[in-house]
Amino acid sequence: MWEIAVVVIAIAFLLLVIFTIPSLLQIRDSAKELEFTLKEFRETLKKVNVVVEEIDQSVKTGSKTLRKLDRTLEAMEQTFGTSSFKLVTKPLTGILEAMPVILSASKIYRKYIKRR
């Protein structure tokens, strides 16, 4: 009676091992692929971060330039009168009003990228 129980347990263990080995091999292969994918993702994320930094610097520079231009146009408007420069200052005012939103979005995106 004991012998039959030992044989049944041995056969069950053998079947368990036979069916578990392919699963473990597949898990190992999947882990290797995941590691490779994560390396590529990190490299891509670093490149994206560099591009975001460049965009951020460009937006800051553009914002400063537009502020200077706005001050210059205001001075010219005061010097030469409102009617002459109304057509020029109206589009620039819209751009200047949008700059804080662009800067905020850039900062939020940069923080999001750095957390990843």
PDB file of N, CA and C in Angstrom:
ATOM      1  N   MET A   1       0.808  -1.184   0.000  1.00  0.00           N
ATOM      2  CA  MET A   1       0.000   0.000   0.000  1.00  0.00           C
ATOM      3  C   MET A   1       0.856   1.255   0.000  1.00  0.00           C
ATOM      4  N   TRP A   2       1.899   1.296   0.839  1.00  0.00           N
ATOM      5  CA  TRP A   2       2.810   2.434   0.877  1.00  0.00           C
ATOM      6  C   TRP A   2       3.536   2.608  -0.443  1.00  0.00           C
ATOM      7  N   GLU A   3       3.868   1.515  -1.023  1.00  0.00           N
ATOM      8  CA  GLU A   3       4.613   1.552  -2.287  1.00  0.00           C
ATOM      9  C   GLU A   3       3.786   2.220  -3.387  1.00  0.00           C
ATOM     10  N   ILE A   4       2.509   1.917  -3.427  1.00  0.00           N
ATOM     11  CA  ILE A   4       1.626   2.511  -4.440  1.00  0.00           C
ATOM     12  C   ILE A   4       1.508   4.021  -4.203  1.00  0.00           C
ATOM     13  N   ALA A   5       1.387   4.408  -2.954  1.00  0.00           N
ATOM     14  CA  ALA A   5       1.279   5.829  -2.629  1.00  0.00           C
ATOM     15  C   ALA A   5       2.548   6.581  -3.026  1.00  0.00           C
ATOM     16  N   VAL A   6       3.714   5.950  -2.771  1.00  0.00           N
ATOM     17  CA  VAL A   6       4.990   6.579  -3.128  1.00  0.00           C
ATOM     18  C   VAL A   6       5.114   6.699  -4.642  1.00  0.00           C
ATOM     19  N   VAL A   7       4.699   5.682  -5.364  1.00  0.00           N
ATOM     20  CA  VAL A   7       4.771   5.711  -6.830  1.00  0.00           C
ATOM     21  C   VAL A   7       3.831   6.794  -7.379  1.00  0.00           C
ATOM     22  N   VAL A   8       2.617   6.903  -6.834  1.00  0.00           N
ATOM     23  CA  VAL A   8       1.656   7.914  -7.292  1.00  0.00           C
ATOM     24  C   VAL A   8       2.202   9.320  -7.015  1.00  0.00           C
ATOM     25  N   ILE A   9       2.777   9.512  -5.829  1.00  0.00           N
ATOM     26  CA  ILE A   9       3.359  10.819  -5.493  1.00  0.00           C
ATOM     27  C   ILE A   9       4.543  11.128  -6.406  1.00  0.00           C
ATOM     28  N   ALA A  10       5.372  10.143  -6.692  1.00  0.00           N
ATOM     29  CA  ALA A  10       6.525  10.343  -7.582  1.00  0.00           C
ATOM     30  C   ALA A  10       6.068  10.689  -8.987  1.00  0.00           C
ATOM     31  N   ILE A  11       5.048  10.021  -9.484  1.00  0.00           N
ATOM     32  CA  ILE A  11       4.524  10.303 -10.833  1.00  0.00           C
ATOM     33  C   ILE A  11       3.907  11.712 -10.865  1.00  0.00           C
ATOM     34  N   ALA A  12       3.175  12.070  -9.822  1.00  0.00           N
ATOM     35  CA  ALA A  12       2.575  13.401  -9.759  1.00  0.00           C
ATOM     36  C   ALA A  12       3.659  14.476  -9.736  1.00  0.00           C
ATOM     37  N   PHE A  13       4.712  14.246  -8.968  1.00  0.00           N
ATOM     38  CA  PHE A  13       5.812  15.204  -8.903  1.00  0.00           C
ATOM     39  C   PHE A  13       6.505  15.312 -10.259  1.00  0.00           C
ATOM     40  N   LEU A  14       6.717  14.192 -10.915  1.00  0.00           N
ATOM     41  CA  LEU A  14       7.357  14.187 -12.238  1.00  0.00           C
ATOM     42  C   LEU A  14       6.507  14.969 -13.248  1.00  0.00           C
ATOM     43  N   LEU A  15       5.200  14.760 -13.223  1.00  0.00           N
ATOM     44  CA  LEU A  15       4.310  15.500 -14.130  1.00  0.00           C
ATOM     45  C   LEU A  15       4.338  17.002 -13.814  1.00  0.00           C
ATOM     46  N   LEU A  16       4.371  17.324 -12.551  1.00  0.00           N
ATOM     47  CA  LEU A  16       4.453  18.727 -12.154  1.00  0.00           C
ATOM     48  C   LEU A  16       5.727  19.365 -12.693  1.00  0.00           C
ATOM     49  N   VAL A  17       6.845  18.694 -12.547  1.00  0.00           N
ATOM     50  CA  VAL A  17       8.125  19.215 -13.045  1.00  0.00           C
ATOM     51  C   VAL A  17       8.091  19.352 -14.558  1.00  0.00           C
ATOM     52  N   ILE A  18       7.557  18.330 -15.246  1.00  0.00           N
ATOM     53  CA  ILE A  18       7.516  18.355 -16.716  1.00  0.00           C
ATOM     54  C   ILE A  18       6.684  19.537 -17.216  1.00  0.00           C
ATOM     55  N   PHE A  19       5.562  19.827 -16.567  1.00  0.00           N
ATOM     56  CA  PHE A  19       4.710  20.932 -17.022  1.00  0.00           C
ATOM     57  C   PHE A  19       5.206  22.295 -16.526  1.00  0.00           C
ATOM     58  N   THR A  20       5.985  22.324 -15.483  1.00  0.00           N
ATOM     59  CA  THR A  20       6.467  23.593 -14.933  1.00  0.00           C
ATOM     60  C   THR A  20       7.678  24.128 -15.694  1.00  0.00           C
ATOM     61  N   ILE A  21       8.536  23.254 -16.196  1.00  0.00           N
ATOM     62  CA  ILE A  21       9.762  23.686 -16.881  1.00  0.00           C
ATOM     63  C   ILE A  21       9.474  24.617 -18.063  1.00  0.00           C
ATOM     64  N   PRO A  22       8.582  24.298 -19.000  1.00  0.00           N
ATOM     65  CA  PRO A  22       8.327  25.240 -20.111  1.00  0.00           C
ATOM     66  C   PRO A  22       7.812  26.602 -19.626  1.00  0.00           C
ATOM     67  N   SER A  23       6.986  26.578 -18.594  1.00  0.00           N
ATOM     68  CA  SER A  23       6.477  27.846 -18.060  1.00  0.00           C
ATOM     69  C   SER A  23       7.610  28.685 -17.487  1.00  0.00           C
ATOM     70  N   LEU A  24       8.499  28.074 -16.750  1.00  0.00           N
ATOM     71  CA  LEU A  24       9.636  28.802 -16.182  1.00  0.00           C
ATOM     72  C   LEU A  24      10.557  29.337 -17.267  1.00  0.00           C
ATOM     73  N   LEU A  25      10.764  28.552 -18.320  1.00  0.00           N
ATOM     74  CA  LEU A  25      11.587  29.027 -19.436  1.00  0.00           C
ATOM     75  C   LEU A  25      10.940  30.232 -20.125  1.00  0.00           C
ATOM     76  N   GLN A  26       9.620  30.172 -20.279  1.00  0.00           N
ATOM     77  CA  GLN A  26       8.910  31.298 -20.898  1.00  0.00           C
ATOM     78  C   GLN A  26       8.987  32.539 -20.018  1.00  0.00           C
ATOM     79  N   ILE A  27       8.871  32.368 -18.726  1.00  0.00           N
ATOM     80  CA  ILE A  27       8.976  33.502 -17.798  1.00  0.00           C
ATOM     81  C   ILE A  27      10.374  34.113 -17.879  1.00  0.00           C
ATOM     82  N   ARG A  28      11.398  33.269 -17.969  1.00  0.00           N
ATOM     83  CA  ARG A  28      12.772  33.775 -18.071  1.00  0.00           C
ATOM     84  C   ARG A  28      12.955  34.583 -19.359  1.00  0.00           C
ATOM     85  N   ASP A  29      12.447  34.049 -20.481  1.00  0.00           N
ATOM     86  CA  ASP A  29      12.553  34.774 -21.755  1.00  0.00           C
ATOM     87  C   ASP A  29      11.796  36.101 -21.700  1.00  0.00           C
ATOM     88  N   SER A  30      10.625  36.083 -21.095  1.00  0.00           N
ATOM     89  CA  SER A  30       9.840  37.317 -20.974  1.00  0.00           C
ATOM     90  C   SER A  30      10.565  38.349 -20.113  1.00  0.00           C
ATOM     91  N   ALA A  31      11.212  37.897 -19.058  1.00  0.00           N
ATOM     92  CA  ALA A  31      11.960  38.818 -18.192  1.00  0.00           C
ATOM     93  C   ALA A  31      13.130  39.437 -18.948  1.00  0.00           C
ATOM     94  N   LYS A  32      13.811  38.652 -19.787  1.00  0.00           N
ATOM     95  CA  LYS A  32      14.911  39.194 -20.590  1.00  0.00           C
ATOM     96  C   LYS A  32      14.400  40.246 -21.562  1.00  0.00           C
ATOM     97  N   GLU A  33      13.281  39.962 -22.225  1.00  0.00           N
ATOM     98  CA  GLU A  33      12.704  40.925 -23.163  1.00  0.00           C
ATOM     99  C   GLU A  33      12.258  42.195 -22.438  1.00  0.00           C
ATOM    100  N   LEU A  34      11.691  42.030 -21.253  1.00  0.00           N
ATOM    101  CA  LEU A  34      11.266  43.185 -20.472  1.00  0.00           C
ATOM    102  C   LEU A  34      12.464  44.040 -20.073  1.00  0.00           C
ATOM    103  N   GLU A  35      13.551  43.413 -19.701  1.00  0.00           N
ATOM    104  CA  GLU A  35      14.760  44.150 -19.334  1.00  0.00           C
ATOM    105  C   GLU A  35      15.285  44.948 -20.525  1.00  0.00           C
ATOM    106  N   PHE A  36      15.311  44.324 -21.703  1.00  0.00           N
ATOM    107  CA  PHE A  36      15.766  45.004 -22.918  1.00  0.00           C
ATOM    108  C   PHE A  36      14.845  46.188 -23.239  1.00  0.00           C
ATOM    109  N   THR A  37      13.545  45.966 -23.133  1.00  0.00           N
ATOM    110  CA  THR A  37      12.579  47.030 -23.423  1.00  0.00           C
ATOM    111  C   THR A  37      12.733  48.190 -22.450  1.00  0.00           C
ATOM    112  N   LEU A  38      12.952  47.894 -21.179  1.00  0.00           N
ATOM    113  CA  LEU A  38      13.133  48.954 -20.195  1.00  0.00           C
ATOM    114  C   LEU A  38      14.397  49.759 -20.455  1.00  0.00           C
ATOM    115  N   LYS A  39      15.468  49.095 -20.891  1.00  0.00           N
ATOM    116  CA  LYS A  39      16.690  49.828 -21.237  1.00  0.00           C
ATOM    117  C   LYS A  39      16.427  50.794 -22.381  1.00  0.00           C
ATOM    118  N   GLU A  40      15.740  50.311 -23.414  1.00  0.00           N
ATOM    119  CA  GLU A  40      15.414  51.174 -24.553  1.00  0.00           C
ATOM    120  C   GLU A  40      14.521  52.333 -24.110  1.00  0.00           C
ATOM    121  N   PHE A  41      13.560  52.036 -23.237  1.00  0.00           N
ATOM    122  CA  PHE A  41      12.654  53.070 -22.750  1.00  0.00           C
ATOM    123  C   PHE A  41      13.411  54.139 -21.978  1.00  0.00           C
ATOM    124  N   ARG A  42      14.349  53.728 -21.143  1.00  0.00           N
ATOM    125  CA  ARG A  42      15.144  54.701 -20.383  1.00  0.00           C
ATOM    126  C   ARG A  42      15.966  55.582 -21.317  1.00  0.00           C
ATOM    127  N   GLU A  43      16.577  54.975 -22.337  1.00  0.00           N
ATOM    128  CA  GLU A  43      17.370  55.757 -23.285  1.00  0.00           C
ATOM    129  C   GLU A  43      16.482  56.756 -24.032  1.00  0.00           C
ATOM    130  N   THR A  44      15.331  56.293 -24.464  1.00  0.00           N
ATOM    131  CA  THR A  44      14.405  57.168 -25.171  1.00  0.00           C
ATOM    132  C   THR A  44      13.928  58.293 -24.256  1.00  0.00           C
ATOM    133  N   LEU A  45      13.658  57.960 -23.011  1.00  0.00           N
ATOM    134  CA  LEU A  45      13.204  58.959 -22.050  1.00  0.00           C
ATOM    135  C   LEU A  45      14.274  60.017 -21.800  1.00  0.00           C
ATOM    136  N   LYS A  46      15.546  59.594 -21.771  1.00  0.00           N
ATOM    137  CA  LYS A  46      16.637  60.562 -21.614  1.00  0.00           C
ATOM    138  C   LYS A  46      16.669  61.517 -22.801  1.00  0.00           C
ATOM    139  N   LYS A  47      16.503  60.968 -24.008  1.00  0.00           N
ATOM    140  CA  LYS A  47      16.506  61.811 -25.206  1.00  0.00           C
ATOM    141  C   LYS A  47      15.321  62.779 -25.191  1.00  0.00           C
ATOM    142  N   VAL A  48      14.159  62.282 -24.788  1.00  0.00           N
ATOM    143  CA  VAL A  48      12.974  63.134 -24.713  1.00  0.00           C
ATOM    144  C   VAL A  48      13.195  64.242 -23.692  1.00  0.00           C
ATOM    145  N   ASN A  49      13.828  63.897 -22.570  1.00  0.00           N
ATOM    146  CA  ASN A  49      14.097  64.895 -21.537  1.00  0.00           C
ATOM    147  C   ASN A  49      15.007  65.997 -22.072  1.00  0.00           C
ATOM    148  N   VAL A  50      16.009  65.623 -22.868  1.00  0.00           N
ATOM    149  CA  VAL A  50      16.907  66.623 -23.459  1.00  0.00           C
ATOM    150  C   VAL A  50      16.119  67.541 -24.396  1.00  0.00           C
ATOM    151  N   VAL A  51      15.250  66.953 -25.201  1.00  0.00           N
ATOM    152  CA  VAL A  51      14.451  67.754 -26.127  1.00  0.00           C
ATOM    153  C   VAL A  51      13.513  68.684 -25.357  1.00  0.00           C
ATOM    154  N   VAL A  52      12.919  68.172 -24.278  1.00  0.00           N
ATOM    155  CA  VAL A  52      12.023  69.006 -23.473  1.00  0.00           C
ATOM    156  C   VAL A  52      12.795  70.168 -22.852  1.00  0.00           C
ATOM    157  N   GLU A  53      14.003  69.900 -22.385  1.00  0.00           N
ATOM    158  CA  GLU A  53      14.831  70.977 -21.824  1.00  0.00           C
ATOM    159  C   GLU A  53      15.126  72.034 -22.889  1.00  0.00           C
ATOM    160  N   GLU A  54      15.442  71.587 -24.105  1.00  0.00           N
ATOM    161  CA  GLU A  54      15.717  72.535 -25.189  1.00  0.00           C
ATOM    162  C   GLU A  54      14.467  73.359 -25.512  1.00  0.00           C
ATOM    163  N   ILE A  55      13.326  72.693 -25.543  1.00  0.00           N
ATOM    164  CA  ILE A  55      12.074  73.405 -25.813  1.00  0.00           C
ATOM    165  C   ILE A  55      11.800  74.408 -24.706  1.00  0.00           C
ATOM    166  N   ASP A  56      12.029  73.979 -23.471  1.00  0.00           N
ATOM    167  CA  ASP A  56      11.815  74.872 -22.333  1.00  0.00           C
ATOM    168  C   ASP A  56      12.698  76.106 -22.435  1.00  0.00           C
ATOM    169  N   GLN A  57      13.969  75.911 -22.775  1.00  0.00           N
ATOM    170  CA  GLN A  57      14.878  77.053 -22.928  1.00  0.00           C
ATOM    171  C   GLN A  57      14.425  77.955 -24.073  1.00  0.00           C
ATOM    172  N   SER A  58      13.986  77.338 -25.167  1.00  0.00           N
ATOM    173  CA  SER A  58      13.511  78.136 -26.304  1.00  0.00           C
ATOM    174  C   SER A  58      12.277  78.946 -25.930  1.00  0.00           C
ATOM    175  N   VAL A  59      11.376  78.319 -25.186  1.00  0.00           N
ATOM    176  CA  VAL A  59      10.160  79.030 -24.771  1.00  0.00           C
ATOM    177  C   VAL A  59      10.518  80.178 -23.836  1.00  0.00           C
ATOM    178  N   LYS A  60      11.445  79.939 -22.912  1.00  0.00           N
ATOM    179  CA  LYS A  60      11.854  81.014 -22.001  1.00  0.00           C
ATOM    180  C   LYS A  60      12.493  82.164 -22.771  1.00  0.00           C
ATOM    181  N   THR A  61      13.382  81.823 -23.711  1.00  0.00           N
ATOM    182  CA  THR A  61      14.029  82.851 -24.520  1.00  0.00           C
ATOM    183  C   THR A  61      13.001  83.609 -25.351  1.00  0.00           C
ATOM    184  N   GLY A  62      12.082  82.852 -25.966  1.00  0.00           N
ATOM    185  CA  GLY A  62      11.030  83.490 -26.760  1.00  0.00           C
ATOM    186  C   GLY A  62      10.144  84.381 -25.913  1.00  0.00           C
ATOM    187  N   SER A  63       9.859  83.933 -24.699  1.00  0.00           N
ATOM    188  CA  SER A  63       9.034  84.736 -23.801  1.00  0.00           C
ATOM    189  C   SER A  63       9.729  86.044 -23.449  1.00  0.00           C
ATOM    190  N   LYS A  64      11.027  85.972 -23.139  1.00  0.00           N
ATOM    191  CA  LYS A  64      11.772  87.191 -22.817  1.00  0.00           C
ATOM    192  C   LYS A  64      11.803  88.136 -24.013  1.00  0.00           C
ATOM    193  N   THR A  65      12.032  87.572 -25.189  1.00  0.00           N
ATOM    194  CA  THR A  65      12.084  88.387 -26.404  1.00  0.00           C
ATOM    195  C   THR A  65      10.742  89.049 -26.667  1.00  0.00           C
ATOM    196  N   LEU A  66       9.669  88.267 -26.502  1.00  0.00           N
ATOM    197  CA  LEU A  66       8.345  88.844 -26.739  1.00  0.00           C
ATOM    198  C   LEU A  66       8.015  89.930 -25.711  1.00  0.00           C
ATOM    199  N   ARG A  67       8.445  89.746 -24.471  1.00  0.00           N
ATOM    200  CA  ARG A  67       8.211  90.801 -23.467  1.00  0.00           C
ATOM    201  C   ARG A  67       8.952  92.086 -23.848  1.00  0.00           C
ATOM    202  N   LYS A  68      10.210  91.927 -24.294  1.00  0.00           N
ATOM    203  CA  LYS A  68      10.979  93.098 -24.727  1.00  0.00           C
ATOM    204  C   LYS A  68      10.301  93.774 -25.914  1.00  0.00           C
ATOM    205  N   LEU A  69       9.837  92.957 -26.851  1.00  0.00           N
ATOM    206  CA  LEU A  69       9.154  93.487 -28.028  1.00  0.00           C
ATOM    207  C   LEU A  69       7.872  94.197 -27.616  1.00  0.00           C
ATOM    208  N   ASP A  70       7.161  93.618 -26.674  1.00  0.00           N
ATOM    209  CA  ASP A  70       5.929  94.247 -26.201  1.00  0.00           C
ATOM    210  C   ASP A  70       6.225  95.604 -25.568  1.00  0.00           C
ATOM    211  N   ARG A  71       7.277  95.665 -24.741  1.00  0.00           N
ATOM    212  CA  ARG A  71       7.643  96.951 -24.127  1.00  0.00           C
ATOM    213  C   ARG A  71       8.049  97.970 -25.190  1.00  0.00           C
ATOM    214  N   THR A  72       8.788  97.492 -26.193  1.00  0.00           N
ATOM    215  CA  THR A  72       9.211  98.391 -27.271  1.00  0.00           C
ATOM    216  C   THR A  72       8.002  98.911 -28.041  1.00  0.00           C
ATOM    217  N   LEU A  73       7.072  98.010 -28.345  1.00  0.00           N
ATOM    218  CA  LEU A  73       5.878  98.432 -29.075  1.00  0.00           C
ATOM    219  C   LEU A  73       5.023  99.385 -28.240  1.00  0.00           C
ATOM    220  N   GLU A  74       4.953  99.137 -26.937  1.00  0.00           N
ATOM    221  CA  GLU A  74       4.212 100.064 -26.075  1.00  0.00           C
ATOM    222  C   GLU A  74       4.853 101.450 -26.096  1.00  0.00           C
ATOM    223  N   ALA A  75       6.185 101.474 -26.056  1.00  0.00           N
ATOM    224  CA  ALA A  75       6.879 102.770 -26.110  1.00  0.00           C
ATOM    225  C   ALA A  75       6.629 103.452 -27.448  1.00  0.00           C
ATOM    226  N   MET A  76       6.670 102.671 -28.533  1.00  0.00           N
ATOM    227  CA  MET A  76       6.412 103.252 -29.858  1.00  0.00           C
ATOM    228  C   MET A  76       4.973 103.726 -29.969  1.00  0.00           C
ATOM    229  N   GLU A  77       4.071 102.953 -29.366  1.00  0.00           N
ATOM    230  CA  GLU A  77       2.664 103.337 -29.408  1.00  0.00           C
ATOM    231  C   GLU A  77       2.449 104.651 -28.660  1.00  0.00           C
ATOM    232  N   GLN A  78       3.113 104.798 -27.529  1.00  0.00           N
ATOM    233  CA  GLN A  78       2.996 106.044 -26.775  1.00  0.00           C
ATOM    234  C   GLN A  78       3.618 107.205 -27.542  1.00  0.00           C
ATOM    235  N   THR A  79       4.704 106.893 -28.266  1.00  0.00           N
ATOM    236  CA  THR A  79       5.384 107.949 -29.006  1.00  0.00           C
ATOM    237  C   THR A  79       4.597 108.361 -30.248  1.00  0.00           C
ATOM    238  N   PHE A  80       4.127 107.393 -31.024  1.00  0.00           N
ATOM    239  CA  PHE A  80       3.520 107.706 -32.321  1.00  0.00           C
ATOM    240  C   PHE A  80       1.997 107.679 -32.325  1.00  0.00           C
ATOM    241  N   GLY A  81       1.389 107.213 -31.258  1.00  0.00           N
ATOM    242  CA  GLY A  81      -0.075 107.176 -31.205  1.00  0.00           C
ATOM    243  C   GLY A  81      -0.615 105.756 -31.340  1.00  0.00           C
ATOM    244  N   THR A  82      -1.821 105.603 -30.851  1.00  0.00           N
ATOM    245  CA  THR A  82      -2.445 104.276 -30.776  1.00  0.00           C
ATOM    246  C   THR A  82      -2.867 103.737 -32.128  1.00  0.00           C
ATOM    247  N   SER A  83      -3.400 104.563 -32.980  1.00  0.00           N
ATOM    248  CA  SER A  83      -3.982 104.080 -34.231  1.00  0.00           C
ATOM    249  C   SER A  83      -2.958 103.417 -35.148  1.00  0.00           C
ATOM    250  N   SER A  84      -1.727 103.919 -35.177  1.00  0.00           N
ATOM    251  CA  SER A  84      -0.722 103.371 -36.083  1.00  0.00           C
ATOM    252  C   SER A  84      -0.315 101.947 -35.707  1.00  0.00           C
ATOM    253  N   PHE A  85      -0.233 101.669 -34.420  1.00  0.00           N
ATOM    254  CA  PHE A  85       0.321 100.389 -33.977  1.00  0.00           C
ATOM    255  C   PHE A  85      -0.716  99.401 -33.458  1.00  0.00           C
ATOM    256  N   LYS A  86      -1.971  99.746 -33.574  1.00  0.00           N
ATOM    257  CA  LYS A  86      -3.013  98.855 -33.072  1.00  0.00           C
ATOM    258  C   LYS A  86      -2.996  97.522 -33.831  1.00  0.00           C
ATOM    259  N   LEU A  87      -2.782  97.557 -35.129  1.00  0.00           N
ATOM    260  CA  LEU A  87      -2.773  96.336 -35.930  1.00  0.00           C
ATOM    261  C   LEU A  87      -1.593  95.420 -35.566  1.00  0.00           C
ATOM    262  N   VAL A  88      -0.474  96.013 -35.170  1.00  0.00           N
ATOM    263  CA  VAL A  88       0.716  95.223 -34.835  1.00  0.00           C
ATOM    264  C   VAL A  88       0.620  94.658 -33.426  1.00  0.00           C
ATOM    265  N   THR A  89       0.157  95.460 -32.491  1.00  0.00           N
ATOM    266  CA  THR A  89       0.170  95.037 -31.087  1.00  0.00           C
ATOM    267  C   THR A  89      -0.932  94.044 -30.753  1.00  0.00           C
ATOM    268  N   LYS A  90      -2.021  94.054 -31.487  1.00  0.00           N
ATOM    269  CA  LYS A  90      -3.129  93.153 -31.169  1.00  0.00           C
ATOM    270  C   LYS A  90      -2.721  91.677 -31.262  1.00  0.00           C
ATOM    271  N   PRO A  91      -2.114  91.199 -32.362  1.00  0.00           N
ATOM    272  CA  PRO A  91      -1.678  89.783 -32.402  1.00  0.00           C
ATOM    273  C   PRO A  91      -0.605  89.478 -31.366  1.00  0.00           C
ATOM    274  N   LEU A  92       0.310  90.411 -31.141  1.00  0.00           N
ATOM    275  CA  LEU A  92       1.379  90.175 -30.164  1.00  0.00           C
ATOM    276  C   LEU A  92       0.841  90.068 -28.749  1.00  0.00           C
ATOM    277  N   THR A  93      -0.208  90.797 -28.447  1.00  0.00           N
ATOM    278  CA  THR A  93      -0.813  90.717 -27.119  1.00  0.00           C
ATOM    279  C   THR A  93      -1.348  89.313 -26.874  1.00  0.00           C
ATOM    280  N   GLY A  94      -1.972  88.718 -27.888  1.00  0.00           N
ATOM    281  CA  GLY A  94      -2.470  87.340 -27.759  1.00  0.00           C
ATOM    282  C   GLY A  94      -1.344  86.352 -27.527  1.00  0.00           C
ATOM    283  N   ILE A  95      -0.252  86.536 -28.231  1.00  0.00           N
ATOM    284  CA  ILE A  95       0.905  85.647 -28.058  1.00  0.00           C
ATOM    285  C   ILE A  95       1.473  85.809 -26.658  1.00  0.00           C
ATOM    286  N   LEU A  96       1.608  87.032 -26.209  1.00  0.00           N
ATOM    287  CA  LEU A  96       2.151  87.281 -24.868  1.00  0.00           C
ATOM    288  C   LEU A  96       1.247  86.715 -23.781  1.00  0.00           C
ATOM    289  N   GLU A  97      -0.060  86.776 -23.995  1.00  0.00           N
ATOM    290  CA  GLU A  97      -0.980  86.227 -23.006  1.00  0.00           C
ATOM    291  C   GLU A  97      -0.878  84.700 -22.952  1.00  0.00           C
ATOM    292  N   ALA A  98      -0.522  84.065 -24.054  1.00  0.00           N
ATOM    293  CA  ALA A  98      -0.412  82.604 -24.097  1.00  0.00           C
ATOM    294  C   ALA A  98       0.904  82.097 -23.505  1.00  0.00           C
ATOM    295  N   MET A  99       1.922  82.921 -23.409  1.00  0.00           N
ATOM    296  CA  MET A  99       3.234  82.482 -22.938  1.00  0.00           C
ATOM    297  C   MET A  99       3.217  81.882 -21.535  1.00  0.00           C
ATOM    298  N   PRO A 100       2.528  82.441 -20.558  1.00  0.00           N
ATOM    299  CA  PRO A 100       2.517  81.793 -19.235  1.00  0.00           C
ATOM    300  C   PRO A 100       1.929  80.388 -19.269  1.00  0.00           C
ATOM    301  N   VAL A 101       0.928  80.190 -20.102  1.00  0.00           N
ATOM    302  CA  VAL A 101       0.327  78.857 -20.222  1.00  0.00           C
ATOM    303  C   VAL A 101       1.341  77.883 -20.821  1.00  0.00           C
ATOM    304  N   ILE A 102       2.056  78.328 -21.841  1.00  0.00           N
ATOM    305  CA  ILE A 102       3.071  77.473 -22.474  1.00  0.00           C
ATOM    306  C   ILE A 102       4.179  77.153 -21.479  1.00  0.00           C
ATOM    307  N   LEU A 103       4.628  78.152 -20.726  1.00  0.00           N
ATOM    308  CA  LEU A 103       5.674  77.923 -19.724  1.00  0.00           C
ATOM    309  C   LEU A 103       5.201  76.951 -18.643  1.00  0.00           C
ATOM    310  N   SER A 104       3.976  77.101 -18.193  1.00  0.00           N
ATOM    311  CA  SER A 104       3.434  76.200 -17.167  1.00  0.00           C
ATOM    312  C   SER A 104       3.352  74.776 -17.688  1.00  0.00           C
ATOM    313  N   ALA A 105       2.875  74.617 -18.914  1.00  0.00           N
ATOM    314  CA  ALA A 105       2.783  73.273 -19.497  1.00  0.00           C
ATOM    315  C   ALA A 105       4.157  72.649 -19.636  1.00  0.00           C
ATOM    316  N   SER A 106       5.131  73.436 -20.024  1.00  0.00           N
ATOM    317  CA  SER A 106       6.493  72.942 -20.160  1.00  0.00           C
ATOM    318  C   SER A 106       7.037  72.484 -18.809  1.00  0.00           C
ATOM    319  N   LYS A 107       6.799  73.251 -17.750  1.00  0.00           N
ATOM    320  CA  LYS A 107       7.269  72.884 -16.409  1.00  0.00           C
ATOM    321  C   LYS A 107       6.591  71.616 -15.912  1.00  0.00           C
ATOM    322  N   ILE A 108       5.294  71.511 -16.124  1.00  0.00           N
ATOM    323  CA  ILE A 108       4.554  70.322 -15.692  1.00  0.00           C
ATOM    324  C   ILE A 108       5.066  69.089 -16.426  1.00  0.00           C
ATOM    325  N   TYR A 109       5.279  69.198 -17.735  1.00  0.00           N
ATOM    326  CA  TYR A 109       5.765  68.062 -18.506  1.00  0.00           C
ATOM    327  C   TYR A 109       7.165  67.658 -18.050  1.00  0.00           C
ATOM    328  N   ARG A 110       8.012  68.646 -17.750  1.00  0.00           N
ATOM    329  CA  ARG A 110       9.372  68.357 -17.281  1.00  0.00           C
ATOM    330  C   ARG A 110       9.327  67.610 -15.959  1.00  0.00           C
ATOM    331  N   LYS A 111       8.472  68.035 -15.038  1.00  0.00           N
ATOM    332  CA  LYS A 111       8.335  67.346 -13.753  1.00  0.00           C
ATOM    333  C   LYS A 111       7.836  65.923 -13.954  1.00  0.00           C
ATOM    334  N   TYR A 112       6.902  65.743 -14.886  1.00  0.00           N
ATOM    335  CA  TYR A 112       6.375  64.411 -15.181  1.00  0.00           C
ATOM    336  C   TYR A 112       7.471  63.503 -15.717  1.00  0.00           C
ATOM    337  N   ILE A 113       8.291  64.019 -16.627  1.00  0.00           N
ATOM    338  CA  ILE A 113       9.384  63.238 -17.219  1.00  0.00           C
ATOM    339  C   ILE A 113      10.403  62.879 -16.153  1.00  0.00           C
ATOM    340  N   LYS A 114      10.734  63.814 -15.269  1.00  0.00           N
ATOM    341  CA  LYS A 114      11.749  63.542 -14.249  1.00  0.00           C
ATOM    342  C   LYS A 114      11.276  62.484 -13.262  1.00  0.00           C
ATOM    343  N   ARG A 115       9.966  62.395 -13.019  1.00  0.00           N
ATOM    344  CA  ARG A 115       9.457  61.380 -12.103  1.00  0.00           C
ATOM    345  C   ARG A 115       9.536  59.984 -12.692  1.00  0.00           C
ATOM    346  N   ARG A 116       9.580  59.867 -13.996  1.00  0.00           N
ATOM    347  CA  ARG A 116       9.600  58.558 -14.663  1.00  0.00           C
ATOM    348  C   ARG A 116      10.945  57.984 -14.643  1.00  0.00           C
TER     349      ARG A 116
END
